[in-house]
Amino acid sequence: MKKFLALAVVLASAPAQADISHKIQSSVQLTVDGAASAATRVPTVYSVTGSGASTTDGTTTGALGGFGAVTNGVPAVTTISATQATSGDAFSFSTSYIEGDSTSATGSTVTSGVVGSLPLFGDTTTTSGGVAGSLAGTIDSQHGVTITAGGAGTTATGQMVTELTIR
């Protein structure tokens, strides 16, 4: 009987079966924004409207003006003047002119992530890039994370994750 009792005590004190996992993960992410520029050239536009008016370009009666020779993508414009066609009658006259962007204009230049010069176009969106400066990140053997701030347009993210799973 004592033998069975000893066997029962040994079986009752058997170690528990469990799966244990432990995971440590460290990371550093460093980002420097890139420079960008988007530009749309503005076209040259000329319009004339009117009624009851006599026009001239200084040489030709009845001229309406318009575009001439093109230099660097911008045409020369012949302007006109107007007078009332018949004294005492109603008249209206209107001209408008928008000078377009020249094709000789230079685009953006980027040096060390910085937009140093902007394009000379009518519709431009420019984003200056980041400057790394002293941007840095390290992880030591004990999973310690160290981050050093950089210049404008930079991001540094450090993290350490410890995971313990018992099943």
Protein backbone atom coordinates (compact mmCIF):
# COMPACT_ATOMS: atom_id res chain seq x y z
CA MET A 1 0.00 0.00 0.00
CA LYS A 2 2.87 2.30 0.78
CA LYS A 3 4.18 1.71 -2.75
CA PHE A 4 0.92 2.88 -4.29
CA LEU A 5 0.85 5.91 -2.01
CA ALA A 6 4.41 6.90 -3.03
CA LEU A 7 3.49 6.45 -6.72
CA ALA A 8 0.39 8.64 -6.28
CA VAL A 9 2.49 11.41 -4.62
CA VAL A 10 5.04 11.35 -7.50
CA LEU A 11 2.32 11.51 -10.16
CA ALA A 12 0.45 14.28 -8.35
CA SER A 13 3.55 16.52 -8.17
CA ALA A 14 4.49 16.20 -11.88
CA PRO A 15 5.47 19.58 -13.44
CA ALA A 16 2.85 21.47 -15.41
CA GLN A 17 3.18 21.43 -19.19
CA ALA A 18 3.22 25.00 -20.63
CA ASP A 19 4.58 26.74 -23.76
CA ILE A 20 6.41 29.98 -22.92
CA SER A 21 7.79 32.35 -25.49
CA HIS A 22 9.56 35.64 -24.95
CA LYS A 23 10.33 38.12 -27.72
CA ILE A 24 12.17 41.46 -27.60
CA GLN A 25 12.20 43.65 -30.71
CA SER A 26 13.75 47.10 -31.11
CA SER A 27 13.60 49.38 -34.14
CA VAL A 28 14.53 52.87 -35.27
CA GLN A 29 13.03 54.59 -38.33
CA LEU A 30 14.61 57.77 -39.73
CA THR A 31 12.90 59.79 -42.48
CA VAL A 32 14.02 62.85 -44.42
CA ASP A 33 11.32 64.51 -46.57
CA GLY A 34 12.17 64.87 -50.25
CA ALA A 35 11.93 68.17 -52.10
CA ALA A 36 9.20 68.51 -54.71
CA SER A 37 7.96 71.08 -57.17
CA ALA A 38 4.95 71.01 -59.47
CA ALA A 39 4.45 73.81 -61.98
CA THR A 40 1.92 74.62 -64.67
CA ARG A 41 2.74 77.23 -67.26
CA VAL A 42 0.25 80.06 -67.68
CA PRO A 43 -0.77 80.58 -71.34
CA THR A 44 -0.80 83.92 -73.13
CA VAL A 45 -4.38 85.12 -73.58
CA TYR A 46 -5.69 88.12 -75.53
CA SER A 47 -9.32 89.03 -76.03
CA VAL A 48 -11.24 91.93 -77.54
CA THR A 49 -14.98 92.61 -77.47
CA GLY A 50 -17.10 95.57 -78.41
CA SER A 51 -19.80 97.11 -80.50
CA GLY A 52 -20.34 100.55 -82.00
CA ALA A 53 -16.57 101.24 -81.98
CA SER A 54 -13.99 101.86 -84.67
CA THR A 55 -10.60 100.23 -84.09
CA THR A 56 -7.07 100.71 -85.34
CA ASP A 57 -3.64 99.33 -84.57
CA GLY A 58 -2.11 102.64 -85.59
CA THR A 59 -1.68 101.51 -89.18
CA THR A 60 -4.77 99.55 -90.20
CA THR A 61 -8.35 100.71 -89.60
CA GLY A 62 -10.64 97.95 -88.37
CA ALA A 63 -7.74 95.92 -86.91
CA LEU A 64 -8.51 93.79 -83.87
CA GLY A 65 -4.95 93.27 -82.65
CA GLY A 66 -3.60 89.87 -81.83
CA PHE A 67 -0.45 87.82 -81.62
CA GLY A 68 2.74 88.34 -83.55
CA ALA A 69 6.15 86.67 -83.50
CA VAL A 70 6.85 84.30 -80.61
CA THR A 71 9.98 84.69 -78.48
CA ASN A 72 10.70 82.13 -75.73
CA GLY A 73 7.11 80.90 -75.89
CA VAL A 74 5.54 84.35 -75.48
CA PRO A 75 3.99 86.00 -78.54
CA ALA A 76 4.27 89.70 -79.28
CA VAL A 77 0.89 91.42 -79.00
CA THR A 78 -0.48 94.00 -81.41
CA THR A 79 -2.56 96.37 -79.32
CA ILE A 80 -5.41 98.42 -80.71
CA SER A 81 -7.24 101.58 -79.83
CA ALA A 82 -10.93 102.31 -80.28
CA THR A 83 -13.11 105.32 -80.85
CA GLN A 84 -16.85 105.74 -80.97
CA ALA A 85 -17.96 104.79 -84.50
CA THR A 86 -20.87 107.24 -84.69
CA SER A 87 -20.98 110.26 -82.45
CA GLY A 88 -23.92 110.04 -80.03
CA ASP A 89 -24.51 106.29 -80.53
CA ALA A 90 -23.95 103.76 -77.78
CA PHE A 91 -20.69 101.82 -77.93
CA SER A 92 -18.66 99.43 -75.82
CA PHE A 93 -15.11 98.26 -76.12
CA SER A 94 -12.93 96.02 -73.96
CA THR A 95 -9.57 94.28 -74.32
CA SER A 96 -7.72 92.03 -71.91
CA TYR A 97 -4.27 90.49 -72.00
CA ILE A 98 -2.50 87.96 -69.84
CA GLU A 99 1.15 87.38 -70.64
CA GLY A 100 2.04 83.73 -70.43
CA ASP A 101 5.11 82.12 -68.92
CA SER A 102 8.33 82.28 -70.87
CA THR A 103 9.95 79.00 -71.89
CA SER A 104 13.32 80.52 -70.97
CA ALA A 105 12.39 80.44 -67.27
CA THR A 106 14.45 78.03 -65.23
CA GLY A 107 12.96 75.26 -63.14
CA SER A 108 13.59 74.34 -59.52
CA THR A 109 17.05 73.43 -58.33
CA VAL A 110 17.56 71.17 -55.35
CA THR A 111 20.83 71.15 -53.38
CA SER A 112 21.22 68.97 -50.28
CA GLY A 113 17.45 68.48 -50.10
CA VAL A 114 16.70 72.21 -50.18
CA VAL A 115 14.93 73.97 -53.05
CA GLY A 116 17.34 76.84 -53.68
CA SER A 117 15.53 78.45 -56.58
CA LEU A 118 11.90 78.33 -57.58
CA PRO A 119 10.52 77.95 -61.09
CA LEU A 120 9.22 81.16 -62.62
CA PHE A 121 5.83 79.87 -63.69
CA GLY A 122 2.41 81.28 -62.92
CA ASP A 123 1.04 78.29 -61.00
CA THR A 124 3.70 76.65 -58.82
CA THR A 125 3.63 74.51 -55.67
CA THR A 126 7.03 73.85 -54.11
CA THR A 127 7.87 71.84 -51.01
CA SER A 128 11.31 72.19 -49.54
CA GLY A 129 13.00 68.94 -48.60
CA GLY A 130 14.26 68.02 -45.18
CA VAL A 131 17.83 68.44 -44.02
CA ALA A 132 19.22 65.44 -42.16
CA GLY A 133 21.60 67.54 -40.07
CA SER A 134 22.44 65.43 -37.02
CA LEU A 135 19.52 63.01 -37.51
CA ALA A 136 20.57 59.63 -36.06
CA GLY A 137 19.21 56.59 -34.28
CA THR A 138 20.93 53.68 -32.53
CA ILE A 139 19.99 50.51 -30.65
CA ASP A 140 22.44 49.10 -28.09
CA SER A 141 22.86 45.46 -27.03
CA GLN A 142 20.37 45.90 -24.15
CA HIS A 143 17.73 47.17 -26.66
CA GLY A 144 18.14 50.77 -25.53
CA VAL A 145 16.99 53.16 -28.24
CA THR A 146 18.72 56.53 -28.72
CA ILE A 147 17.44 59.14 -31.18
CA THR A 148 19.10 62.42 -32.17
CA ALA A 149 16.89 65.11 -33.71
CA GLY A 150 17.63 66.25 -37.26
CA GLY A 151 16.88 69.42 -39.16
CA ALA A 152 13.58 70.65 -40.60
CA GLY A 153 11.54 68.08 -42.54
CA THR A 154 12.85 65.05 -40.64
CA THR A 155 11.17 62.40 -38.51
CA ALA A 156 12.72 59.90 -36.10
CA THR A 157 10.77 57.10 -34.44
CA GLY A 158 12.20 54.56 -32.00
CA GLN A 159 10.48 51.72 -30.24
CA MET A 160 11.16 48.66 -28.11
CA VAL A 161 8.53 45.93 -27.79
CA THR A 162 8.65 43.11 -25.22
CA GLU A 163 6.23 40.23 -25.65
CA LEU A 164 5.70 37.35 -23.21
CA THR A 165 3.30 34.55 -24.14
CA ILE A 166 2.33 31.71 -21.84
CA ARG A 167 0.01 28.97 -23.09
